[in-house]
């Protein structure tokens, strides 16, 4: 099976290249990529998709068009809501919601529903190879705003948020490409603020820990 692994944020991509050194990185107009042989005969292509919905959308489509993957994988980090999920938890995403849509000439909820995606995980064999929290991930082009957490919990029962998975899931669904999204909780945000807000070095260290875990576990998730 041809597998394309999209890595979004710059910190995540830098961590991947530290964890998997001595690879031959190739440029594209949309981002770098390299091929990696995993356990046995499993090989994957890692592709840097860039941060935010615009880059995630464009690079997911570019990757599908140019690399023709049978399986698209998105590995990365997310921010967890304090008290609803633990730091270090891995989320197996079954639904994404792009929530930062404000419609003043119509119905915002209708627009949000249009960019919400259910991810078909029926192809995954159970029990899963590693412990995960299976559920929803909300996406927006911004870090988690503390004041918005109660609303996100009430509306969507959300436990965590990121920047890109909603766009990647939407593109994969439109192209009828199988998708696997695994996101690790790198930091928590609560009423006292975000533990990594204003501390990029903390985020970078946590990101490396998350990406190391996800890369080590990746072969076990692949068909």
N, C-alpha and C. Protein backbone atom coordinates (compact mmCIF):
# COMPACT_ATOMS: atom_id res chain seq x y z
N UNK A 1 0.85 -1.19 0.00
CA UNK A 1 0.00 0.00 0.00
C UNK A 1 0.88 1.24 0.00
N UNK A 2 0.59 2.18 -0.90
CA UNK A 2 1.33 3.44 -0.96
C UNK A 2 0.79 4.38 0.11
N UNK A 3 1.68 4.78 1.02
CA UNK A 3 1.27 5.59 2.17
C UNK A 3 2.00 6.92 2.13
N UNK A 4 1.23 8.01 2.25
CA UNK A 4 1.78 9.36 2.33
C UNK A 4 1.48 9.92 3.71
N UNK A 5 2.53 10.29 4.43
CA UNK A 5 2.39 10.83 5.78
C UNK A 5 2.59 12.33 5.73
N UNK A 6 1.54 13.08 6.01
CA UNK A 6 1.62 14.54 6.01
C UNK A 6 1.97 15.02 7.42
N UNK A 7 3.01 15.81 7.52
CA UNK A 7 3.42 16.47 8.76
C UNK A 7 3.18 17.96 8.57
N UNK A 8 2.45 18.57 9.48
CA UNK A 8 1.99 19.93 9.23
C UNK A 8 2.93 21.02 9.75
N UNK A 9 3.00 21.22 11.04
CA UNK A 9 3.70 22.37 11.62
C UNK A 9 5.21 22.26 11.43
N UNK A 10 5.86 23.42 11.36
CA UNK A 10 7.31 23.45 11.21
C UNK A 10 8.03 22.75 12.34
N UNK A 11 7.55 22.94 13.58
CA UNK A 11 8.19 22.29 14.73
C UNK A 11 8.07 20.77 14.62
N UNK A 12 6.94 20.30 14.11
CA UNK A 12 6.75 18.86 13.93
C UNK A 12 7.70 18.31 12.87
N UNK A 13 7.85 19.04 11.77
CA UNK A 13 8.74 18.60 10.69
C UNK A 13 10.19 18.60 11.13
N UNK A 14 10.61 19.63 11.86
CA UNK A 14 11.98 19.66 12.36
C UNK A 14 12.23 18.49 13.30
N UNK A 15 11.25 18.17 14.13
CA UNK A 15 11.39 17.03 15.04
C UNK A 15 11.52 15.73 14.26
N UNK A 16 10.72 15.57 13.22
CA UNK A 16 10.78 14.35 12.41
C UNK A 16 12.17 14.18 11.80
N UNK A 17 12.73 15.25 11.28
CA UNK A 17 14.05 15.16 10.63
C UNK A 17 15.16 14.91 11.66
N UNK A 18 14.96 15.28 12.91
CA UNK A 18 15.90 14.94 13.96
C UNK A 18 15.78 13.47 14.35
N UNK A 19 14.54 12.99 14.39
CA UNK A 19 14.27 11.62 14.81
C UNK A 19 14.69 10.63 13.72
N UNK A 20 14.52 11.03 12.46
CA UNK A 20 14.87 10.17 11.33
C UNK A 20 15.96 10.87 10.52
N UNK A 21 17.21 10.80 10.98
CA UNK A 21 18.29 11.52 10.28
C UNK A 21 18.75 10.76 9.04
N UNK A 22 19.60 11.41 8.28
CA UNK A 22 20.26 10.79 7.13
C UNK A 22 19.28 10.30 6.08
N UNK A 23 18.23 11.07 5.87
CA UNK A 23 17.31 10.76 4.78
C UNK A 23 17.55 11.74 3.64
N UNK A 24 17.16 11.34 2.44
CA UNK A 24 17.36 12.19 1.27
C UNK A 24 16.11 13.04 1.07
N UNK A 25 16.20 14.30 1.47
CA UNK A 25 15.06 15.20 1.41
C UNK A 25 14.96 15.81 0.02
N UNK A 26 13.76 15.76 -0.54
CA UNK A 26 13.51 16.29 -1.87
C UNK A 26 12.58 17.49 -1.79
N UNK A 27 12.81 18.52 -2.62
CA UNK A 27 11.92 19.69 -2.61
C UNK A 27 10.74 19.53 -3.56
N UNK A 28 9.65 20.21 -3.25
CA UNK A 28 8.54 20.39 -4.17
C UNK A 28 8.09 21.84 -4.03
N UNK A 29 7.23 22.34 -4.91
CA UNK A 29 6.72 23.70 -4.73
C UNK A 29 5.92 23.88 -3.45
N UNK A 30 5.42 22.77 -2.88
CA UNK A 30 4.55 22.85 -1.71
C UNK A 30 5.24 22.49 -0.40
N UNK A 31 6.34 21.75 -0.46
CA UNK A 31 7.03 21.34 0.76
C UNK A 31 7.99 20.21 0.49
N UNK A 32 8.83 19.91 1.47
CA UNK A 32 9.82 18.86 1.34
C UNK A 32 9.18 17.48 1.55
N UNK A 33 9.88 16.45 1.05
CA UNK A 33 9.46 15.09 1.35
C UNK A 33 10.68 14.17 1.37
N UNK A 34 10.52 13.03 2.01
CA UNK A 34 11.52 11.98 1.94
C UNK A 34 10.83 10.63 2.11
N UNK A 35 11.49 9.59 1.60
CA UNK A 35 10.97 8.23 1.71
C UNK A 35 11.68 7.51 2.84
N UNK A 36 10.93 6.64 3.52
CA UNK A 36 11.48 5.91 4.67
C UNK A 36 11.00 4.47 4.64
N UNK A 37 11.96 3.54 4.77
CA UNK A 37 11.63 2.13 4.87
C UNK A 37 11.38 1.80 6.34
N UNK A 38 10.22 1.26 6.61
CA UNK A 38 9.86 0.89 7.98
C UNK A 38 10.10 -0.61 8.19
N UNK A 39 9.54 -1.14 9.24
CA UNK A 39 9.71 -2.56 9.56
C UNK A 39 9.18 -3.41 8.42
N UNK A 40 9.92 -4.47 8.09
CA UNK A 40 9.48 -5.37 7.04
C UNK A 40 9.48 -4.68 5.69
N UNK A 41 8.39 -4.86 4.93
CA UNK A 41 8.33 -4.28 3.60
C UNK A 41 7.50 -3.01 3.56
N UNK A 42 7.25 -2.43 4.74
CA UNK A 42 6.44 -1.22 4.79
C UNK A 42 7.31 0.00 4.54
N UNK A 43 6.93 0.80 3.56
CA UNK A 43 7.63 2.04 3.28
C UNK A 43 6.62 3.16 3.18
N UNK A 44 7.04 4.36 3.57
CA UNK A 44 6.15 5.51 3.55
C UNK A 44 6.89 6.71 3.00
N UNK A 45 6.13 7.69 2.56
CA UNK A 45 6.69 8.98 2.15
C UNK A 45 6.23 10.04 3.13
N UNK A 46 7.17 10.70 3.77
CA UNK A 46 6.86 11.80 4.68
C UNK A 46 6.89 13.11 3.88
N UNK A 47 5.86 13.92 4.09
CA UNK A 47 5.68 15.14 3.29
C UNK A 47 5.34 16.28 4.24
N UNK A 48 6.11 17.35 4.17
CA UNK A 48 5.85 18.51 5.02
C UNK A 48 4.75 19.36 4.40
N UNK A 49 3.60 19.41 5.06
CA UNK A 49 2.46 20.10 4.50
C UNK A 49 2.28 21.54 4.92
N UNK A 50 3.02 22.02 5.91
CA UNK A 50 2.87 23.40 6.34
C UNK A 50 1.75 23.58 7.35
N UNK A 51 1.80 24.67 8.11
CA UNK A 51 0.84 24.89 9.20
C UNK A 51 -0.35 25.70 8.71
N UNK A 52 -1.49 25.46 9.34
CA UNK A 52 -2.70 26.20 9.02
C UNK A 52 -3.52 25.54 7.93
N UNK A 53 -4.79 25.96 7.84
CA UNK A 53 -5.72 25.31 6.91
C UNK A 53 -5.33 25.51 5.45
N UNK A 54 -4.83 26.68 5.08
CA UNK A 54 -4.50 26.93 3.68
C UNK A 54 -3.43 25.97 3.20
N UNK A 55 -2.33 25.89 3.97
CA UNK A 55 -1.24 24.97 3.59
C UNK A 55 -1.68 23.52 3.66
N UNK A 56 -2.44 23.18 4.70
CA UNK A 56 -2.88 21.80 4.87
C UNK A 56 -3.76 21.37 3.71
N UNK A 57 -4.68 22.22 3.32
CA UNK A 57 -5.58 21.94 2.20
C UNK A 57 -4.79 21.78 0.89
N UNK A 58 -3.93 22.75 0.61
CA UNK A 58 -3.19 22.75 -0.66
C UNK A 58 -2.23 21.57 -0.75
N UNK A 59 -1.51 21.30 0.33
CA UNK A 59 -0.51 20.23 0.26
C UNK A 59 -1.15 18.85 0.29
N UNK A 60 -2.29 18.71 0.96
CA UNK A 60 -2.99 17.42 0.91
C UNK A 60 -3.42 17.13 -0.52
N UNK A 61 -3.97 18.13 -1.20
CA UNK A 61 -4.38 17.92 -2.59
C UNK A 61 -3.18 17.68 -3.49
N UNK A 62 -2.11 18.43 -3.27
CA UNK A 62 -0.88 18.23 -4.06
C UNK A 62 -0.35 16.82 -3.87
N UNK A 63 -0.31 16.37 -2.62
CA UNK A 63 0.20 15.04 -2.34
C UNK A 63 -0.64 13.96 -2.99
N UNK A 64 -1.96 14.11 -2.96
CA UNK A 64 -2.84 13.14 -3.60
C UNK A 64 -2.64 13.13 -5.11
N UNK A 65 -2.55 14.32 -5.70
CA UNK A 65 -2.41 14.43 -7.16
C UNK A 65 -1.07 13.90 -7.67
N UNK A 66 0.01 14.16 -6.93
CA UNK A 66 1.34 13.84 -7.42
C UNK A 66 1.88 12.50 -6.92
N UNK A 67 1.42 12.03 -5.77
CA UNK A 67 1.97 10.80 -5.20
C UNK A 67 0.97 9.64 -5.21
N UNK A 68 -0.29 9.91 -5.50
CA UNK A 68 -1.34 8.89 -5.62
C UNK A 68 -1.34 7.89 -4.47
N UNK A 69 -1.44 8.37 -3.22
CA UNK A 69 -1.42 7.44 -2.09
C UNK A 69 -2.73 6.65 -1.98
N UNK A 70 -2.61 5.42 -1.52
CA UNK A 70 -3.79 4.64 -1.17
C UNK A 70 -4.23 4.96 0.26
N UNK A 71 -3.27 5.39 1.07
CA UNK A 71 -3.54 5.78 2.45
C UNK A 71 -2.85 7.10 2.74
N UNK A 72 -3.61 8.05 3.25
CA UNK A 72 -3.08 9.34 3.69
C UNK A 72 -3.05 9.32 5.22
N UNK A 73 -1.91 9.68 5.79
CA UNK A 73 -1.76 9.70 7.25
C UNK A 73 -1.36 11.10 7.67
N UNK A 74 -1.97 11.60 8.72
CA UNK A 74 -1.55 12.87 9.31
C UNK A 74 -1.12 12.61 10.74
N UNK A 75 0.16 12.84 11.01
CA UNK A 75 0.71 12.73 12.36
C UNK A 75 1.05 14.12 12.86
N UNK A 76 0.76 14.39 14.13
CA UNK A 76 1.10 15.70 14.66
C UNK A 76 0.67 15.88 16.10
N UNK A 77 0.69 17.13 16.52
CA UNK A 77 0.35 17.49 17.89
C UNK A 77 -1.02 18.15 17.93
N UNK A 78 -1.51 18.33 19.13
CA UNK A 78 -2.72 19.11 19.35
C UNK A 78 -2.69 19.64 20.77
N UNK A 79 -3.51 20.64 21.03
CA UNK A 79 -3.64 21.17 22.37
C UNK A 79 -4.86 20.56 23.05
N UNK A 80 -4.69 20.09 24.26
CA UNK A 80 -5.80 19.46 24.98
C UNK A 80 -6.48 20.42 25.92
N UNK A 81 -7.74 20.18 26.19
CA UNK A 81 -8.49 20.99 27.15
C UNK A 81 -8.26 20.41 28.55
N UNK A 82 -7.70 21.21 29.42
CA UNK A 82 -7.36 20.75 30.78
C UNK A 82 -8.61 20.19 31.46
N UNK A 83 -8.43 19.02 32.06
CA UNK A 83 -9.53 18.37 32.76
C UNK A 83 -10.35 17.45 31.89
N UNK A 84 -10.11 17.47 30.57
CA UNK A 84 -10.89 16.61 29.66
C UNK A 84 -10.04 15.56 28.96
N UNK A 85 -8.73 15.76 28.94
CA UNK A 85 -7.83 14.79 28.35
C UNK A 85 -6.46 15.00 28.97
N UNK A 86 -5.63 13.97 28.97
CA UNK A 86 -4.32 14.05 29.60
C UNK A 86 -3.24 14.41 28.58
N UNK A 87 -2.22 15.12 29.05
CA UNK A 87 -1.05 15.39 28.25
C UNK A 87 -0.41 14.06 27.83
N UNK A 88 -0.01 13.99 26.57
CA UNK A 88 0.61 12.77 26.06
C UNK A 88 -0.37 11.79 25.46
N UNK A 89 -1.66 11.99 25.65
CA UNK A 89 -2.66 11.09 25.06
C UNK A 89 -2.59 11.17 23.54
N UNK A 90 -2.80 10.04 22.89
CA UNK A 90 -2.85 10.00 21.43
C UNK A 90 -4.31 9.91 21.00
N UNK A 91 -4.71 10.82 20.14
CA UNK A 91 -6.09 10.84 19.65
C UNK A 91 -6.15 10.19 18.28
N UNK A 92 -6.97 9.16 18.17
CA UNK A 92 -7.31 8.56 16.88
C UNK A 92 -8.57 9.29 16.42
N UNK A 93 -8.41 10.13 15.41
CA UNK A 93 -9.49 11.06 15.05
C UNK A 93 -10.51 10.36 14.16
N UNK A 94 -11.78 10.39 14.58
CA UNK A 94 -12.86 9.82 13.80
C UNK A 94 -13.76 10.90 13.19
N UNK A 95 -13.63 12.14 13.66
CA UNK A 95 -14.42 13.24 13.11
C UNK A 95 -13.67 14.54 13.33
N UNK A 96 -13.70 15.41 12.33
CA UNK A 96 -13.10 16.74 12.46
C UNK A 96 -14.15 17.81 12.23
N UNK A 97 -13.99 18.92 12.93
CA UNK A 97 -14.87 20.08 12.77
C UNK A 97 -14.01 21.33 12.66
N UNK A 98 -14.19 22.08 11.58
CA UNK A 98 -13.53 23.38 11.43
C UNK A 98 -14.47 24.41 12.06
N UNK A 99 -14.10 24.93 13.23
CA UNK A 99 -15.06 25.71 14.02
C UNK A 99 -14.89 27.22 13.90
N UNK A 100 -13.82 27.71 13.31
CA UNK A 100 -13.58 29.16 13.28
C UNK A 100 -14.20 29.81 12.05
N UNK A 101 -15.47 29.54 11.83
CA UNK A 101 -16.21 30.14 10.71
C UNK A 101 -17.28 31.06 11.29
N UNK A 102 -17.26 32.32 10.89
CA UNK A 102 -18.25 33.28 11.35
C UNK A 102 -19.01 33.78 10.12
N UNK A 103 -20.29 33.44 10.03
CA UNK A 103 -21.14 33.80 8.91
C UNK A 103 -22.17 34.82 9.38
N UNK A 104 -22.11 36.04 8.85
CA UNK A 104 -23.03 37.10 9.28
C UNK A 104 -24.13 37.38 8.27
N UNK A 105 -24.13 36.65 7.15
CA UNK A 105 -25.21 36.79 6.17
C UNK A 105 -26.06 35.53 6.09
N UNK A 106 -25.72 34.56 6.91
CA UNK A 106 -26.44 33.29 6.88
C UNK A 106 -26.23 32.56 8.18
N UNK A 107 -26.12 31.24 8.10
CA UNK A 107 -26.06 30.37 9.27
C UNK A 107 -24.65 29.82 9.43
N UNK A 108 -23.94 30.25 10.48
CA UNK A 108 -22.58 29.77 10.72
C UNK A 108 -22.55 28.26 10.93
N UNK A 109 -23.55 27.73 11.63
CA UNK A 109 -23.57 26.30 11.91
C UNK A 109 -23.70 25.49 10.63
N UNK A 110 -24.43 26.00 9.67
CA UNK A 110 -24.53 25.31 8.38
C UNK A 110 -23.18 25.26 7.69
N UNK A 111 -22.45 26.37 7.73
CA UNK A 111 -21.12 26.41 7.13
C UNK A 111 -20.17 25.48 7.86
N UNK A 112 -20.25 25.45 9.18
CA UNK A 112 -19.39 24.57 9.96
C UNK A 112 -19.70 23.11 9.64
N UNK A 113 -20.98 22.77 9.51
CA UNK A 113 -21.34 21.40 9.14
C UNK A 113 -20.77 21.02 7.78
N UNK A 114 -20.72 21.98 6.86
CA UNK A 114 -20.19 21.71 5.52
C UNK A 114 -18.72 21.33 5.56
N UNK A 115 -17.98 21.87 6.52
CA UNK A 115 -16.56 21.58 6.63
C UNK A 115 -16.24 20.61 7.77
N UNK A 116 -17.23 19.86 8.17
CA UNK A 116 -17.04 18.79 9.14
C UNK A 116 -16.94 17.47 8.40
N UNK A 117 -16.07 16.58 8.86
CA UNK A 117 -15.80 15.35 8.14
C UNK A 117 -15.80 14.15 9.08
N UNK A 118 -16.54 13.12 8.72
CA UNK A 118 -16.46 11.84 9.40
C UNK A 118 -15.40 10.99 8.71
N UNK A 119 -14.48 10.44 9.47
CA UNK A 119 -13.38 9.63 8.92
C UNK A 119 -13.73 8.16 9.07
N UNK A 120 -13.73 7.45 7.97
CA UNK A 120 -14.03 6.01 7.98
C UNK A 120 -12.83 5.25 8.53
N UNK A 121 -13.02 4.63 9.69
CA UNK A 121 -11.96 3.84 10.31
C UNK A 121 -12.29 2.35 10.34
N UNK A 122 -13.29 1.96 9.55
CA UNK A 122 -13.71 0.57 9.57
C UNK A 122 -12.62 -0.39 9.12
N UNK A 123 -11.66 0.11 8.35
CA UNK A 123 -10.57 -0.74 7.83
C UNK A 123 -9.55 -1.09 8.90
N UNK A 124 -9.56 -0.36 10.02
CA UNK A 124 -8.61 -0.63 11.10
C UNK A 124 -9.06 -1.85 11.90
N UNK A 125 -8.14 -2.78 12.11
CA UNK A 125 -8.46 -3.96 12.90
C UNK A 125 -8.40 -3.62 14.39
N UNK A 126 -9.32 -4.19 15.14
CA UNK A 126 -9.32 -4.05 16.59
C UNK A 126 -8.99 -5.40 17.22
N UNK A 127 -8.33 -5.38 18.40
CA UNK A 127 -7.96 -4.20 19.18
C UNK A 127 -6.84 -3.40 18.51
N UNK A 128 -6.85 -2.10 18.75
CA UNK A 128 -5.85 -1.24 18.16
C UNK A 128 -4.46 -1.58 18.72
N UNK A 129 -3.42 -1.33 17.94
CA UNK A 129 -2.07 -1.74 18.36
C UNK A 129 -1.51 -0.93 19.52
N UNK A 130 -2.07 0.25 19.77
CA UNK A 130 -1.59 1.09 20.86
C UNK A 130 -2.78 1.81 21.50
N UNK A 131 -2.65 2.18 22.77
CA UNK A 131 -3.76 2.89 23.43
C UNK A 131 -4.01 4.24 22.77
N UNK A 132 -5.28 4.53 22.50
CA UNK A 132 -5.66 5.80 21.90
C UNK A 132 -6.97 6.26 22.50
N UNK A 133 -7.22 7.56 22.38
CA UNK A 133 -8.53 8.14 22.66
C UNK A 133 -9.17 8.37 21.31
N UNK A 134 -10.23 7.63 20.99
CA UNK A 134 -10.87 7.74 19.68
C UNK A 134 -12.02 8.74 19.77
N UNK A 135 -11.98 9.75 18.91
CA UNK A 135 -13.06 10.74 18.97
C UNK A 135 -12.84 11.92 18.07
N UNK A 136 -13.43 13.03 18.47
CA UNK A 136 -13.49 14.26 17.69
C UNK A 136 -12.26 15.14 17.92
N UNK A 137 -11.85 15.84 16.86
CA UNK A 137 -10.83 16.88 16.98
C UNK A 137 -11.34 18.12 16.25
N UNK A 138 -11.35 19.27 16.94
CA UNK A 138 -11.77 20.51 16.31
C UNK A 138 -10.55 21.26 15.80
N UNK A 139 -10.71 21.98 14.69
CA UNK A 139 -9.61 22.68 14.04
C UNK A 139 -9.95 24.15 13.81
N UNK A 140 -8.94 24.99 13.88
CA UNK A 140 -9.09 26.42 13.58
C UNK A 140 -7.72 26.98 13.25
N UNK A 141 -7.72 28.10 12.55
CA UNK A 141 -6.47 28.78 12.24
C UNK A 141 -6.05 29.67 13.41
N UNK A 142 -5.94 29.08 14.57
CA UNK A 142 -5.48 29.80 15.76
C UNK A 142 -5.29 28.81 16.89
N UNK A 143 -4.46 29.20 17.84
CA UNK A 143 -4.33 28.41 19.06
C UNK A 143 -5.63 28.50 19.85
N UNK A 144 -5.77 27.60 20.79
CA UNK A 144 -6.99 27.55 21.59
C UNK A 144 -7.15 28.84 22.40
N UNK A 145 -8.32 29.46 22.28
CA UNK A 145 -8.64 30.64 23.07
C UNK A 145 -9.37 30.17 24.33
N UNK A 146 -8.82 30.53 25.47
CA UNK A 146 -9.34 30.02 26.74
C UNK A 146 -10.83 30.27 26.87
N UNK A 147 -11.27 31.46 26.50
CA UNK A 147 -12.67 31.83 26.67
C UNK A 147 -13.61 31.01 25.78
N UNK A 148 -13.08 30.37 24.73
CA UNK A 148 -13.91 29.59 23.82
C UNK A 148 -14.08 28.14 24.25
N UNK A 149 -13.27 27.68 25.20
CA UNK A 149 -13.31 26.27 25.58
C UNK A 149 -14.69 25.82 26.05
N UNK A 150 -15.36 26.56 26.97
CA UNK A 150 -16.69 26.09 27.41
C UNK A 150 -17.67 25.92 26.25
N UNK A 151 -17.63 26.82 25.27
CA UNK A 151 -18.52 26.73 24.12
C UNK A 151 -18.19 25.52 23.26
N UNK A 152 -16.90 25.25 23.06
CA UNK A 152 -16.49 24.10 22.26
C UNK A 152 -16.88 22.79 22.93
N UNK A 153 -16.79 22.78 24.25
CA UNK A 153 -17.20 21.60 25.00
C UNK A 153 -18.71 21.40 24.91
N UNK A 154 -19.44 22.49 25.09
CA UNK A 154 -20.91 22.40 25.07
C UNK A 154 -21.43 22.02 23.69
N UNK A 155 -20.88 22.62 22.65
CA UNK A 155 -21.40 22.38 21.29
C UNK A 155 -20.96 21.04 20.71
N UNK A 156 -19.69 20.70 20.94
CA UNK A 156 -19.12 19.55 20.24
C UNK A 156 -18.58 18.46 21.15
N UNK A 157 -18.63 18.67 22.47
CA UNK A 157 -18.00 17.74 23.42
C UNK A 157 -16.52 17.57 23.09
N UNK A 158 -15.88 18.67 22.67
CA UNK A 158 -14.48 18.62 22.25
C UNK A 158 -13.55 18.43 23.45
N UNK A 159 -12.43 17.78 23.19
CA UNK A 159 -11.41 17.58 24.23
C UNK A 159 -10.07 18.18 23.82
N UNK A 160 -9.91 18.51 22.53
CA UNK A 160 -8.63 19.01 22.03
C UNK A 160 -8.84 19.71 20.70
N UNK A 161 -7.83 20.48 20.29
CA UNK A 161 -7.93 21.23 19.04
C UNK A 161 -6.56 21.32 18.36
N UNK A 162 -6.60 21.46 17.04
CA UNK A 162 -5.38 21.69 16.28
C UNK A 162 -5.67 22.69 15.16
N UNK A 163 -4.71 22.81 14.23
CA UNK A 163 -4.84 23.78 13.15
C UNK A 163 -5.20 23.15 11.81
N UNK A 164 -4.82 21.89 11.58
CA UNK A 164 -4.83 21.38 10.20
C UNK A 164 -5.70 20.16 9.92
N UNK A 165 -6.00 19.35 10.91
CA UNK A 165 -6.62 18.05 10.61
C UNK A 165 -7.97 18.20 9.93
N UNK A 166 -8.72 19.26 10.26
CA UNK A 166 -10.02 19.46 9.61
C UNK A 166 -9.89 19.65 8.11
N UNK A 167 -8.89 20.42 7.67
CA UNK A 167 -8.68 20.64 6.23
C UNK A 167 -8.21 19.37 5.54
N UNK A 168 -7.29 18.65 6.17
CA UNK A 168 -6.77 17.42 5.56
C UNK A 168 -7.87 16.38 5.43
N UNK A 169 -8.69 16.26 6.47
CA UNK A 169 -9.78 15.28 6.43
C UNK A 169 -10.78 15.62 5.34
N UNK A 170 -11.08 16.89 5.18
CA UNK A 170 -12.05 17.33 4.16
C UNK A 170 -11.54 17.01 2.76
N UNK A 171 -10.26 17.28 2.51
CA UNK A 171 -9.66 17.00 1.20
C UNK A 171 -9.62 15.49 0.94
N UNK A 172 -9.22 14.71 1.93
CA UNK A 172 -9.16 13.26 1.75
C UNK A 172 -10.54 12.70 1.42
N UNK A 173 -11.56 13.21 2.12
CA UNK A 173 -12.92 12.74 1.86
C UNK A 173 -13.37 13.09 0.46
N UNK A 174 -13.07 14.31 0.00
CA UNK A 174 -13.47 14.73 -1.34
C UNK A 174 -12.79 13.89 -2.42
N UNK A 175 -11.59 13.39 -2.12
CA UNK A 175 -10.84 12.59 -3.08
C UNK A 175 -11.04 11.09 -2.89
N UNK A 176 -11.86 10.73 -1.91
CA UNK A 176 -12.13 9.33 -1.60
C UNK A 176 -10.84 8.56 -1.32
N UNK A 177 -9.96 9.17 -0.53
CA UNK A 177 -8.70 8.55 -0.13
C UNK A 177 -8.80 8.17 1.34
N UNK A 178 -8.42 6.95 1.65
CA UNK A 178 -8.43 6.47 3.03
C UNK A 178 -7.51 7.35 3.89
N UNK A 179 -7.95 7.64 5.11
CA UNK A 179 -7.23 8.59 5.97
C UNK A 179 -7.07 8.05 7.38
N UNK A 180 -5.90 8.29 7.94
CA UNK A 180 -5.62 8.00 9.34
C UNK A 180 -5.01 9.24 9.97
N UNK A 181 -5.65 9.77 11.01
CA UNK A 181 -5.13 10.95 11.72
C UNK A 181 -4.84 10.55 13.16
N UNK A 182 -3.58 10.70 13.56
CA UNK A 182 -3.15 10.44 14.93
C UNK A 182 -2.47 11.70 15.44
N UNK A 183 -3.03 12.26 16.49
CA UNK A 183 -2.50 13.50 17.06
C UNK A 183 -2.24 13.31 18.55
N UNK A 184 -1.05 13.71 18.99
CA UNK A 184 -0.69 13.60 20.39
C UNK A 184 -0.85 14.93 21.11
N UNK A 185 -1.37 14.88 22.32
CA UNK A 185 -1.59 16.10 23.11
C UNK A 185 -0.25 16.57 23.66
N UNK A 186 0.25 17.67 23.12
CA UNK A 186 1.56 18.19 23.52
C UNK A 186 1.46 19.12 24.73
N UNK A 187 0.31 19.78 24.89
CA UNK A 187 0.17 20.76 25.98
C UNK A 187 -1.30 20.93 26.29
N UNK A 188 -1.58 21.44 27.47
CA UNK A 188 -2.95 21.62 27.93
C UNK A 188 -3.28 23.10 28.06
N UNK A 189 -4.54 23.42 27.78
CA UNK A 189 -5.03 24.79 27.91
C UNK A 189 -6.26 24.76 28.80
N UNK A 190 -6.29 25.64 29.80
CA UNK A 190 -7.41 25.69 30.73
C UNK A 190 -7.69 27.11 31.18
N UNK A 191 -8.40 27.24 32.26
CA UNK A 191 -8.81 28.56 32.75
C UNK A 191 -7.62 29.43 33.12
N UNK A 192 -6.49 28.79 33.43
CA UNK A 192 -5.28 29.55 33.78
C UNK A 192 -4.43 29.88 32.56
N UNK A 193 -4.91 29.51 31.39
CA UNK A 193 -4.15 29.76 30.17
C UNK A 193 -3.53 28.49 29.63
N UNK A 194 -2.62 28.64 28.69
CA UNK A 194 -1.95 27.49 28.08
C UNK A 194 -0.57 27.30 28.66
N UNK A 195 -0.24 26.07 29.03
CA UNK A 195 1.07 25.84 29.65
C UNK A 195 2.22 26.10 28.70
N UNK A 196 2.00 26.02 27.38
CA UNK A 196 3.05 26.30 26.42
C UNK A 196 2.96 27.71 25.84
N UNK A 197 1.91 28.45 26.17
CA UNK A 197 1.77 29.80 25.63
C UNK A 197 2.89 30.70 26.18
N UNK A 198 3.64 31.31 25.28
CA UNK A 198 4.77 32.13 25.68
C UNK A 198 6.02 31.34 25.98
N UNK A 199 5.98 30.02 25.77
CA UNK A 199 7.13 29.16 26.05
C UNK A 199 7.33 28.21 24.88
N UNK A 200 7.88 28.73 23.79
CA UNK A 200 8.03 27.93 22.58
C UNK A 200 8.97 26.75 22.79
N UNK A 201 9.98 26.93 23.62
CA UNK A 201 10.93 25.83 23.86
C UNK A 201 10.23 24.63 24.50
N UNK A 202 9.29 24.91 25.39
CA UNK A 202 8.51 23.83 25.99
C UNK A 202 7.71 23.11 24.92
N UNK A 203 7.06 23.88 24.05
CA UNK A 203 6.28 23.28 22.97
C UNK A 203 7.17 22.44 22.07
N UNK A 204 8.36 22.94 21.74
CA UNK A 204 9.26 22.21 20.86
C UNK A 204 9.69 20.89 21.49
N UNK A 205 9.98 20.89 22.79
CA UNK A 205 10.38 19.66 23.47
C UNK A 205 9.23 18.67 23.50
N UNK A 206 8.05 19.15 23.83
CA UNK A 206 6.88 18.28 23.88
C UNK A 206 6.56 17.73 22.48
N UNK A 207 6.73 18.58 21.48
CA UNK A 207 6.47 18.16 20.11
C UNK A 207 7.39 17.02 19.72
N UNK A 208 8.66 17.13 20.08
CA UNK A 208 9.60 16.06 19.73
C UNK A 208 9.19 14.76 20.41
N UNK A 209 8.76 14.83 21.66
CA UNK A 209 8.32 13.63 22.37
C UNK A 209 7.13 12.98 21.67
N UNK A 210 6.16 13.81 21.29
CA UNK A 210 4.96 13.30 20.61
C UNK A 210 5.33 12.66 19.27
N UNK A 211 6.14 13.37 18.48
CA UNK A 211 6.47 12.85 17.15
C UNK A 211 7.30 11.58 17.24
N UNK A 212 8.16 11.47 18.22
CA UNK A 212 8.95 10.25 18.40
C UNK A 212 8.02 9.07 18.67
N UNK A 213 7.05 9.27 19.54
CA UNK A 213 6.09 8.20 19.84
C UNK A 213 5.30 7.81 18.61
N UNK A 214 4.80 8.80 17.88
CA UNK A 214 3.97 8.52 16.71
C UNK A 214 4.75 7.80 15.62
N UNK A 215 6.00 8.19 15.40
CA UNK A 215 6.81 7.54 14.37
C UNK A 215 7.15 6.11 14.77
N UNK A 216 7.47 5.90 16.05
CA UNK A 216 7.76 4.54 16.52
C UNK A 216 6.55 3.63 16.39
N UNK A 217 5.37 4.19 16.59
CA UNK A 217 4.15 3.37 16.56
C UNK A 217 3.57 3.23 15.15
N UNK A 218 4.00 4.07 14.23
CA UNK A 218 3.38 4.11 12.90
C UNK A 218 3.34 2.75 12.20
N UNK A 219 4.42 1.96 12.17
CA UNK A 219 4.36 0.69 11.44
C UNK A 219 3.22 -0.22 11.92
N UNK A 220 2.89 -0.15 13.20
CA UNK A 220 1.85 -1.03 13.74
C UNK A 220 0.46 -0.62 13.27
N UNK A 221 0.29 0.61 12.83
CA UNK A 221 -1.01 1.08 12.37
C UNK A 221 -1.24 0.83 10.89
N UNK A 222 -0.17 0.56 10.14
CA UNK A 222 -0.31 0.42 8.70
C UNK A 222 -0.79 -0.97 8.31
N UNK A 223 -1.63 -1.06 7.28
CA UNK A 223 -2.10 -2.37 6.83
C UNK A 223 -0.96 -3.26 6.38
